Amino acid sequence: MSEALRQRVITAITIGIPILFLVFFNDITRTIFLSLILLLCAYEFNSLQYKDADNKFVFLLPSILISSVLLYVGLRGLIDPDYYIWIGLGMNVLLLLDLLFLRKNFLSKSSWITSVLYTTIPLVSLLAHYKMGYYSTLLIGILLMIWVSDIGAYTVGKNIGKKKLMPSVSPGKSWEGFIGAGVISVLVSLVFYRLLGHYTMTQWMIIAAIIWLFGSLGDLVESQMKRHIGVKDSGTILPGHGGFLDRFDGFYFCIPFVLFYTEFIVS
């Protein structure tokens, strides 16, 4: 085993076990997990935006404070959760248009307000459903399905990947890995249907497809931003993996799309 791979495995075990405990123990620990990811991703995003500033703290503080306020508002249920979904959808659709057509890279040129829209709103939209009976089902399903998709893309891409997906944005990703991840995600959704229930088999398959598609695109959106800023990873807190923004970009990016389906189409 190479040193880089060994470091990735050690980090995955060290960080993964506490994360799995928080996600699976109960709704309170699940909420703690989401809250921590929200604040850590907001911090890393702003650190990237102002990495060359003389006094980064002055720029970081407003975003972290607003993210904290939105976190509190979401948990208290002071605003209709549907508003967060629509705002998150609007932001992510704009970022997808930028990624696929415009190439303006709004994320690398925008103010700290973008951090709130990009990293905070999606997670708050899920946290705002804290008191709903399917809160745990959604969180566990989205998080694990993202991991399944990532592992599938990596495994298939490493073994048979030849045609690059978007080489100018992320040279390591291939069409074979992308499609393979989709097939694996939809197949594994049958297991989620059996274990988690709540949704029908067809609905779970659609949810899996949404998570795979928009989770993969979310990863490309962040890669595009990092390339424009001129960094490889969003942080160094996870040796071998980068930062929390690197690990959870697909997770929070796909949340508005999943909630749109479950809240406005399924419901």
C-alpha atoms as a PDB file:
ATOM      1  CA  MET A   1       0.000   0.000   0.000  1.00  0.00           C
ATOM      2  CA  SER A   2       1.383   3.400  -0.992  1.00  0.00           C
ATOM      3  CA  GLU A   3       1.960   6.079   1.633  1.00  0.00           C
ATOM      4  CA  ALA A   4      -0.731   8.330   0.121  1.00  0.00           C
ATOM      5  CA  LEU A   5      -3.306   5.526   0.131  1.00  0.00           C
ATOM      6  CA  ARG A   6      -2.365   4.511   3.668  1.00  0.00           C
ATOM      7  CA  GLN A   7      -2.877   8.097   4.827  1.00  0.00           C
ATOM      8  CA  ARG A   8      -6.299   8.249   3.133  1.00  0.00           C
ATOM      9  CA  VAL A   9      -7.380   5.001   4.787  1.00  0.00           C
ATOM     10  CA  ILE A  10      -6.222   6.113   8.250  1.00  0.00           C
ATOM     11  CA  THR A  11      -8.045   9.443   7.880  1.00  0.00           C
ATOM     12  CA  ALA A  12     -11.181   7.723   6.582  1.00  0.00           C
ATOM     13  CA  ILE A  13     -11.279   5.409   9.598  1.00  0.00           C
ATOM     14  CA  THR A  14     -10.412   8.129  12.124  1.00  0.00           C
ATOM     15  CA  ILE A  15     -13.012  10.584  10.833  1.00  0.00           C
ATOM     16  CA  GLY A  16     -15.488   8.070   9.450  1.00  0.00           C
ATOM     17  CA  ILE A  17     -16.264   6.273  12.706  1.00  0.00           C
ATOM     18  CA  PRO A  18     -17.303   9.440  14.612  1.00  0.00           C
ATOM     19  CA  ILE A  19     -19.337  10.598  11.591  1.00  0.00           C
ATOM     20  CA  LEU A  20     -21.154   7.267  11.353  1.00  0.00           C
ATOM     21  CA  PHE A  21     -21.902   7.416  15.085  1.00  0.00           C
ATOM     22  CA  LEU A  22     -23.368  10.924  14.778  1.00  0.00           C
ATOM     23  CA  VAL A  23     -25.413  10.006  11.707  1.00  0.00           C
ATOM     24  CA  PHE A  24     -26.846   6.727  13.001  1.00  0.00           C
ATOM     25  CA  PHE A  25     -27.242   7.285  16.767  1.00  0.00           C
ATOM     26  CA  ASN A  26     -30.314   9.553  16.922  1.00  0.00           C
ATOM     27  CA  ASP A  27     -31.846  12.745  15.524  1.00  0.00           C
ATOM     28  CA  ILE A  28     -29.950  14.962  17.963  1.00  0.00           C
ATOM     29  CA  THR A  29     -26.547  13.606  16.920  1.00  0.00           C
ATOM     30  CA  ARG A  30     -27.621  13.803  13.278  1.00  0.00           C
ATOM     31  CA  THR A  31     -28.408  17.478  13.774  1.00  0.00           C
ATOM     32  CA  ILE A  32     -25.047  18.033  15.473  1.00  0.00           C
ATOM     33  CA  PHE A  33     -23.356  16.404  12.478  1.00  0.00           C
ATOM     34  CA  LEU A  34     -25.152  18.630   9.957  1.00  0.00           C
ATOM     35  CA  SER A  35     -24.478  21.741  12.026  1.00  0.00           C
ATOM     36  CA  LEU A  36     -20.752  20.992  12.229  1.00  0.00           C
ATOM     37  CA  ILE A  37     -20.502  20.302   8.493  1.00  0.00           C
ATOM     38  CA  LEU A  38     -22.401  23.521   7.756  1.00  0.00           C
ATOM     39  CA  LEU A  39     -20.051  25.714   9.783  1.00  0.00           C
ATOM     40  CA  LEU A  40     -16.860  23.925   8.687  1.00  0.00           C
ATOM     41  CA  CYS A  41     -17.772  24.154   4.990  1.00  0.00           C
ATOM     42  CA  ALA A  42     -18.715  27.825   5.356  1.00  0.00           C
ATOM     43  CA  TYR A  43     -15.380  28.501   7.052  1.00  0.00           C
ATOM     44  CA  GLU A  44     -13.364  26.676   4.384  1.00  0.00           C
ATOM     45  CA  PHE A  45     -15.236  28.328   1.531  1.00  0.00           C
ATOM     46  CA  ASN A  46     -14.534  31.810   2.861  1.00  0.00           C
ATOM     47  CA  SER A  47     -10.931  30.909   3.651  1.00  0.00           C
ATOM     48  CA  LEU A  48     -10.487  30.082  -0.032  1.00  0.00           C
ATOM     49  CA  GLN A  49     -12.179  33.285  -1.162  1.00  0.00           C
ATOM     50  CA  TYR A  50      -9.958  35.461   1.030  1.00  0.00           C
ATOM     51  CA  LYS A  51      -6.810  33.330   1.147  1.00  0.00           C
ATOM     52  CA  ASP A  52      -4.655  36.294   0.075  1.00  0.00           C
ATOM     53  CA  ALA A  53      -6.251  38.868   2.373  1.00  0.00           C
ATOM     54  CA  ASP A  54      -4.090  40.385   5.094  1.00  0.00           C
ATOM     55  CA  ASN A  55      -6.784  39.954   7.724  1.00  0.00           C
ATOM     56  CA  LYS A  56      -9.002  37.054   6.689  1.00  0.00           C
ATOM     57  CA  PHE A  57     -10.913  37.078   9.970  1.00  0.00           C
ATOM     58  CA  VAL A  58     -12.598  40.394   9.116  1.00  0.00           C
ATOM     59  CA  PHE A  59     -14.070  38.798   5.986  1.00  0.00           C
ATOM     60  CA  LEU A  60     -14.786  35.399   7.535  1.00  0.00           C
ATOM     61  CA  LEU A  61     -16.732  36.709  10.518  1.00  0.00           C
ATOM     62  CA  PRO A  62     -19.867  38.048   8.723  1.00  0.00           C
ATOM     63  CA  SER A  63     -20.434  34.819   6.814  1.00  0.00           C
ATOM     64  CA  ILE A  64     -19.933  32.569   9.840  1.00  0.00           C
ATOM     65  CA  LEU A  65     -22.257  34.731  11.910  1.00  0.00           C
ATOM     66  CA  ILE A  66     -24.990  34.705   9.260  1.00  0.00           C
ATOM     67  CA  SER A  67     -24.572  30.953   8.775  1.00  0.00           C
ATOM     68  CA  SER A  68     -24.962  30.506  12.533  1.00  0.00           C
ATOM     69  CA  VAL A  69     -28.111  32.649  12.577  1.00  0.00           C
ATOM     70  CA  LEU A  70     -29.618  30.695   9.671  1.00  0.00           C
ATOM     71  CA  LEU A  71     -28.735  27.468  11.456  1.00  0.00           C
ATOM     72  CA  TYR A  72     -30.646  28.644  14.536  1.00  0.00           C
ATOM     73  CA  VAL A  73     -33.613  29.859  12.452  1.00  0.00           C
ATOM     74  CA  GLY A  74     -33.760  26.551  10.598  1.00  0.00           C
ATOM     75  CA  LEU A  75     -33.673  24.465  13.772  1.00  0.00           C
ATOM     76  CA  ARG A  76     -36.334  26.614  15.424  1.00  0.00           C
ATOM     77  CA  GLY A  77     -38.588  26.354  12.380  1.00  0.00           C
ATOM     78  CA  LEU A  78     -39.063  30.126  12.196  1.00  0.00           C
ATOM     79  CA  ILE A  79     -39.229  30.136   8.397  1.00  0.00           C
ATOM     80  CA  ASP A  80     -41.108  27.802   6.066  1.00  0.00           C
ATOM     81  CA  PRO A  81     -38.573  25.084   5.027  1.00  0.00           C
ATOM     82  CA  ASP A  82     -39.793  25.329   1.421  1.00  0.00           C
ATOM     83  CA  TYR A  83     -38.166  28.754   1.096  1.00  0.00           C
ATOM     84  CA  TYR A  84     -34.741  27.234   1.695  1.00  0.00           C
ATOM     85  CA  ILE A  85     -35.375  24.634  -0.993  1.00  0.00           C
ATOM     86  CA  TRP A  86     -36.269  27.260  -3.612  1.00  0.00           C
ATOM     87  CA  ILE A  87     -33.290  29.457  -2.734  1.00  0.00           C
ATOM     88  CA  GLY A  88     -30.925  26.471  -2.847  1.00  0.00           C
ATOM     89  CA  LEU A  89     -32.366  25.348  -6.176  1.00  0.00           C
ATOM     90  CA  GLY A  90     -31.964  28.806  -7.686  1.00  0.00           C
ATOM     91  CA  MET A  91     -28.341  29.069  -6.580  1.00  0.00           C
ATOM     92  CA  ASN A  92     -27.404  25.589  -7.771  1.00  0.00           C
ATOM     93  CA  VAL A  93     -29.099  25.968 -11.157  1.00  0.00           C
ATOM     94  CA  LEU A  94     -27.113  29.181 -11.678  1.00  0.00           C
ATOM     95  CA  LEU A  95     -23.895  27.364 -10.767  1.00  0.00           C
ATOM     96  CA  LEU A  96     -24.706  24.527 -13.169  1.00  0.00           C
ATOM     97  CA  LEU A  97     -25.328  26.992 -15.989  1.00  0.00           C
ATOM     98  CA  ASP A  98     -21.996  28.565 -15.135  1.00  0.00           C
ATOM     99  CA  LEU A  99     -20.228  25.190 -15.135  1.00  0.00           C
ATOM    100  CA  LEU A 100     -21.735  23.919 -18.393  1.00  0.00           C
ATOM    101  CA  PHE A 101     -22.184  27.058 -20.502  1.00  0.00           C
ATOM    102  CA  LEU A 102     -21.218  30.448 -19.060  1.00  0.00           C
ATOM    103  CA  ARG A 103     -17.770  29.692 -17.584  1.00  0.00           C
ATOM    104  CA  LYS A 104     -17.830  32.909 -15.526  1.00  0.00           C
ATOM    105  CA  ASN A 105     -17.025  31.035 -12.318  1.00  0.00           C
ATOM    106  CA  PHE A 106     -19.238  33.026  -9.998  1.00  0.00           C
ATOM    107  CA  LEU A 107     -17.989  31.213  -6.912  1.00  0.00           C
ATOM    108  CA  SER A 108     -14.388  32.353  -7.253  1.00  0.00           C
ATOM    109  CA  LYS A 109     -15.333  35.972  -7.892  1.00  0.00           C
ATOM    110  CA  SER A 110     -18.207  36.528  -5.483  1.00  0.00           C
ATOM    111  CA  SER A 111     -18.460  37.979  -2.003  1.00  0.00           C
ATOM    112  CA  TRP A 112     -19.026  36.181   1.279  1.00  0.00           C
ATOM    113  CA  ILE A 113     -22.772  36.243   0.592  1.00  0.00           C
ATOM    114  CA  THR A 114     -22.187  33.416  -1.885  1.00  0.00           C
ATOM    115  CA  SER A 115     -20.968  31.231   0.970  1.00  0.00           C
ATOM    116  CA  VAL A 116     -24.364  31.500   2.634  1.00  0.00           C
ATOM    117  CA  LEU A 117     -26.167  30.538  -0.574  1.00  0.00           C
ATOM    118  CA  TYR A 118     -23.709  27.833  -1.604  1.00  0.00           C
ATOM    119  CA  THR A 119     -22.801  26.005   1.615  1.00  0.00           C
ATOM    120  CA  THR A 120     -25.351  27.051   4.226  1.00  0.00           C
ATOM    121  CA  ILE A 121     -28.798  27.161   2.617  1.00  0.00           C
ATOM    122  CA  PRO A 122     -28.758  23.521   1.355  1.00  0.00           C
ATOM    123  CA  LEU A 123     -27.837  22.141   4.774  1.00  0.00           C
ATOM    124  CA  VAL A 124     -30.289  24.425   6.571  1.00  0.00           C
ATOM    125  CA  SER A 125     -33.028  23.222   4.213  1.00  0.00           C
ATOM    126  CA  LEU A 126     -32.414  19.682   5.482  1.00  0.00           C
ATOM    127  CA  LEU A 127     -32.046  20.783   9.104  1.00  0.00           C
ATOM    128  CA  ALA A 128     -35.356  22.640   8.832  1.00  0.00           C
ATOM    129  CA  HIS A 129     -37.015  19.220   8.431  1.00  0.00           C
ATOM    130  CA  TYR A 130     -35.641  18.143  11.812  1.00  0.00           C
ATOM    131  CA  LYS A 131     -39.091  17.558  13.306  1.00  0.00           C
ATOM    132  CA  MET A 132     -40.408  15.644  10.306  1.00  0.00           C
ATOM    133  CA  GLY A 133     -40.747  11.887  10.651  1.00  0.00           C
ATOM    134  CA  TYR A 134     -38.554  11.196   7.618  1.00  0.00           C
ATOM    135  CA  TYR A 135     -35.659  13.465   8.659  1.00  0.00           C
ATOM    136  CA  SER A 136     -33.373  10.543   9.509  1.00  0.00           C
ATOM    137  CA  THR A 137     -34.353   8.661   6.340  1.00  0.00           C
ATOM    138  CA  LEU A 138     -33.427  11.607   4.124  1.00  0.00           C
ATOM    139  CA  LEU A 139     -30.136  12.383   5.845  1.00  0.00           C
ATOM    140  CA  ILE A 140     -28.933   8.774   6.000  1.00  0.00           C
ATOM    141  CA  GLY A 141     -30.117   8.039   2.474  1.00  0.00           C
ATOM    142  CA  ILE A 142     -28.494  11.096   0.874  1.00  0.00           C
ATOM    143  CA  LEU A 143     -25.213  10.779   2.749  1.00  0.00           C
ATOM    144  CA  LEU A 144     -24.717   7.055   2.152  1.00  0.00           C
ATOM    145  CA  MET A 145     -25.838   7.287  -1.456  1.00  0.00           C
ATOM    146  CA  ILE A 146     -23.279  10.020  -2.106  1.00  0.00           C
ATOM    147  CA  TRP A 147     -20.578   7.743  -0.716  1.00  0.00           C
ATOM    148  CA  VAL A 148     -21.815   4.856  -2.879  1.00  0.00           C
ATOM    149  CA  SER A 149     -21.729   7.114  -5.958  1.00  0.00           C
ATOM    150  CA  ASP A 150     -18.224   8.391  -5.159  1.00  0.00           C
ATOM    151  CA  ILE A 151     -16.855   4.907  -4.557  1.00  0.00           C
ATOM    152  CA  GLY A 152     -18.535   3.633  -7.717  1.00  0.00           C
ATOM    153  CA  ALA A 153     -17.119   6.460  -9.833  1.00  0.00           C
ATOM    154  CA  TYR A 154     -13.626   5.957  -8.418  1.00  0.00           C
ATOM    155  CA  THR A 155     -13.650   2.168  -8.825  1.00  0.00           C
ATOM    156  CA  VAL A 156     -15.081   2.079 -12.343  1.00  0.00           C
ATOM    157  CA  GLY A 157     -13.039   5.068 -13.504  1.00  0.00           C
ATOM    158  CA  LYS A 158      -9.778   3.659 -12.164  1.00  0.00           C
ATOM    159  CA  ASN A 159     -10.286   0.301 -13.862  1.00  0.00           C
ATOM    160  CA  ILE A 160     -11.865   1.121 -17.227  1.00  0.00           C
ATOM    161  CA  GLY A 161     -11.999   4.925 -17.399  1.00  0.00           C
ATOM    162  CA  LYS A 162     -10.599   6.315 -20.656  1.00  0.00           C
ATOM    163  CA  LYS A 163     -12.756   9.170 -21.925  1.00  0.00           C
ATOM    164  CA  LYS A 164     -12.373  12.288 -19.770  1.00  0.00           C
ATOM    165  CA  LEU A 165     -15.568  13.834 -18.415  1.00  0.00           C
ATOM    166  CA  MET A 166     -14.452  17.477 -18.066  1.00  0.00           C
ATOM    167  CA  PRO A 167     -10.641  17.514 -18.303  1.00  0.00           C
ATOM    168  CA  SER A 168     -10.413  21.302 -18.018  1.00  0.00           C
ATOM    169  CA  VAL A 169     -12.182  21.156 -14.650  1.00  0.00           C
ATOM    170  CA  SER A 170     -11.274  17.763 -13.153  1.00  0.00           C
ATOM    171  CA  PRO A 171      -8.770  15.726 -15.209  1.00  0.00           C
ATOM    172  CA  GLY A 172      -9.187  12.581 -13.090  1.00  0.00           C
ATOM    173  CA  LYS A 173     -12.892  12.031 -13.801  1.00  0.00           C
ATOM    174  CA  SER A 174     -14.066   9.891 -16.716  1.00  0.00           C
ATOM    175  CA  TRP A 175     -17.356   9.257 -18.495  1.00  0.00           C
ATOM    176  CA  GLU A 176     -17.027   5.572 -17.670  1.00  0.00           C
ATOM    177  CA  GLY A 177     -16.702   6.341 -13.958  1.00  0.00           C
ATOM    178  CA  PHE A 178     -19.598   8.795 -14.124  1.00  0.00           C
ATOM    179  CA  ILE A 179     -21.965   6.333 -15.831  1.00  0.00           C
ATOM    180  CA  GLY A 180     -20.762   3.424 -13.706  1.00  0.00           C
ATOM    181  CA  ALA A 181     -21.514   5.407 -10.556  1.00  0.00           C
ATOM    182  CA  GLY A 182     -25.056   6.027 -11.794  1.00  0.00           C
ATOM    183  CA  VAL A 183     -25.719   2.349 -12.485  1.00  0.00           C
ATOM    184  CA  ILE A 184     -24.288   1.280  -9.128  1.00  0.00           C
ATOM    185  CA  SER A 185     -26.248   3.981  -7.253  1.00  0.00           C
ATOM    186  CA  VAL A 186     -29.579   2.936  -8.775  1.00  0.00           C
ATOM    187  CA  LEU A 187     -28.892  -0.738  -8.029  1.00  0.00           C
ATOM    188  CA  VAL A 188     -27.869  -0.018  -4.424  1.00  0.00           C
ATOM    189  CA  SER A 189     -31.044   2.056  -3.973  1.00  0.00           C
ATOM    190  CA  LEU A 190     -32.912  -1.264  -3.845  1.00  0.00           C
ATOM    191  CA  VAL A 191     -31.057  -1.992  -0.615  1.00  0.00           C
ATOM    192  CA  PHE A 192     -32.036   1.413   0.764  1.00  0.00           C
ATOM    193  CA  TYR A 193     -35.647   0.648  -0.125  1.00  0.00           C
ATOM    194  CA  ARG A 194     -35.472  -2.540   1.939  1.00  0.00           C
ATOM    195  CA  LEU A 195     -33.615  -1.062   4.900  1.00  0.00           C
ATOM    196  CA  LEU A 196     -34.994   2.474   5.190  1.00  0.00           C
ATOM    197  CA  GLY A 197     -38.446   2.188   3.624  1.00  0.00           C
ATOM    198  CA  HIS A 198     -40.719   5.276   3.646  1.00  0.00           C
ATOM    199  CA  TYR A 199     -40.474   5.662  -0.152  1.00  0.00           C
ATOM    200  CA  THR A 200     -41.447   3.138  -2.820  1.00  0.00           C
ATOM    201  CA  MET A 201     -38.826   1.223  -4.772  1.00  0.00           C
ATOM    202  CA  THR A 202     -39.295   3.453  -7.817  1.00  0.00           C
ATOM    203  CA  GLN A 203     -39.024   6.592  -5.690  1.00  0.00           C
ATOM    204  CA  TRP A 204     -35.791   5.344  -4.121  1.00  0.00           C
ATOM    205  CA  MET A 205     -34.380   4.669  -7.586  1.00  0.00           C
ATOM    206  CA  ILE A 206     -35.248   8.215  -8.676  1.00  0.00           C
ATOM    207  CA  ILE A 207     -33.748   9.651  -5.479  1.00  0.00           C
ATOM    208  CA  ALA A 208     -30.564   7.652  -6.146  1.00  0.00           C
ATOM    209  CA  ALA A 209     -30.392   9.002  -9.705  1.00  0.00           C
ATOM    210  CA  ILE A 210     -30.851  12.573  -8.457  1.00  0.00           C
ATOM    211  CA  ILE A 211     -28.132  12.146  -5.828  1.00  0.00           C
ATOM    212  CA  TRP A 212     -25.726  10.584  -8.344  1.00  0.00           C
ATOM    213  CA  LEU A 213     -26.308  13.215 -11.044  1.00  0.00           C
ATOM    214  CA  PHE A 214     -26.324  16.375  -8.966  1.00  0.00           C
ATOM    215  CA  GLY A 215     -23.775  15.082  -6.456  1.00  0.00           C
ATOM    216  CA  SER A 216     -21.361  14.459  -9.340  1.00  0.00           C
ATOM    217  CA  LEU A 217     -22.073  17.878 -10.842  1.00  0.00           C
ATOM    218  CA  GLY A 218     -21.631  19.500  -7.443  1.00  0.00           C
ATOM    219  CA  ASP A 219     -18.177  17.974  -7.212  1.00  0.00           C
ATOM    220  CA  LEU A 220     -17.327  19.490 -10.602  1.00  0.00           C
ATOM    221  CA  VAL A 221     -18.670  22.888  -9.522  1.00  0.00           C
ATOM    222  CA  GLU A 222     -16.290  22.923  -6.565  1.00  0.00           C
ATOM    223  CA  SER A 223     -13.399  21.652  -8.709  1.00  0.00           C
ATOM    224  CA  GLN A 224     -13.996  24.502 -11.139  1.00  0.00           C
ATOM    225  CA  MET A 225     -13.896  27.019  -8.298  1.00  0.00           C
ATOM    226  CA  LYS A 226     -10.652  25.596  -6.873  1.00  0.00           C
ATOM    227  CA  ARG A 227      -9.032  25.617 -10.308  1.00  0.00           C
ATOM    228  CA  HIS A 228      -9.882  29.307 -10.763  1.00  0.00           C
ATOM    229  CA  ILE A 229      -8.636  30.174  -7.287  1.00  0.00           C
ATOM    230  CA  GLY A 230      -5.474  28.130  -7.835  1.00  0.00           C
ATOM    231  CA  VAL A 231      -5.668  25.527  -5.062  1.00  0.00           C
ATOM    232  CA  LYS A 232      -5.811  21.731  -5.118  1.00  0.00           C
ATOM    233  CA  ASP A 233      -7.828  21.171  -1.933  1.00  0.00           C
ATOM    234  CA  SER A 234     -10.224  23.290   0.097  1.00  0.00           C
ATOM    235  CA  GLY A 235      -8.264  22.561   3.267  1.00  0.00           C
ATOM    236  CA  THR A 236      -5.735  20.305   4.992  1.00  0.00           C
ATOM    237  CA  ILE A 237      -7.754  19.205   8.007  1.00  0.00           C
ATOM    238  CA  LEU A 238      -8.312  15.717   6.514  1.00  0.00           C
ATOM    239  CA  PRO A 239      -4.885  14.310   5.519  1.00  0.00           C
ATOM    240  CA  GLY A 240      -5.103  12.592   2.147  1.00  0.00           C
ATOM    241  CA  HIS A 241      -8.636  13.879   1.569  1.00  0.00           C
ATOM    242  CA  GLY A 242      -8.291  17.666   1.635  1.00  0.00           C
ATOM    243  CA  GLY A 243     -10.931  19.611   3.526  1.00  0.00           C
ATOM    244  CA  PHE A 244     -14.549  19.146   4.543  1.00  0.00           C
ATOM    245  CA  LEU A 245     -15.634  21.151   1.515  1.00  0.00           C
ATOM    246  CA  ASP A 246     -13.906  18.556  -0.682  1.00  0.00           C
ATOM    247  CA  ARG A 247     -15.581  15.635   1.074  1.00  0.00           C
ATOM    248  CA  PHE A 248     -19.118  17.027   1.293  1.00  0.00           C
ATOM    249  CA  ASP A 249     -19.483  19.199  -1.821  1.00  0.00           C
ATOM    250  CA  GLY A 250     -21.663  16.663  -3.640  1.00  0.00           C
ATOM    251  CA  PHE A 251     -23.664  16.004  -0.474  1.00  0.00           C
ATOM    252  CA  TYR A 252     -24.902  19.534   0.142  1.00  0.00           C
ATOM    253  CA  PHE A 253     -25.157  20.372  -3.561  1.00  0.00           C
ATOM    254  CA  CYS A 254     -27.673  17.607  -4.283  1.00  0.00           C
ATOM    255  CA  ILE A 255     -29.864  18.309  -1.215  1.00  0.00           C
ATOM    256  CA  PRO A 256     -32.132  20.987  -2.806  1.00  0.00           C
ATOM    257  CA  PHE A 257     -32.818  18.717  -5.788  1.00  0.00           C
ATOM    258  CA  VAL A 258     -33.643  15.728  -3.582  1.00  0.00           C
ATOM    259  CA  LEU A 259     -35.906  17.836  -1.373  1.00  0.00           C
ATOM    260  CA  PHE A 260     -37.621  19.302  -4.426  1.00  0.00           C
ATOM    261  CA  TYR A 261     -38.473  15.783  -5.550  1.00  0.00           C
ATOM    262  CA  THR A 262     -39.539  14.467  -2.139  1.00  0.00           C
ATOM    263  CA  GLU A 263     -41.427  17.588  -1.028  1.00  0.00           C
ATOM    264  CA  PHE A 264     -43.078  18.832  -4.226  1.00  0.00           C
ATOM    265  CA  ILE A 265     -43.383  15.749  -6.412  1.00  0.00           C
ATOM    266  CA  VAL A 266     -43.645  12.731  -4.097  1.00  0.00           C
ATOM    267  CA  SER A 267     -45.641  14.539  -1.398  1.00  0.00           C
END
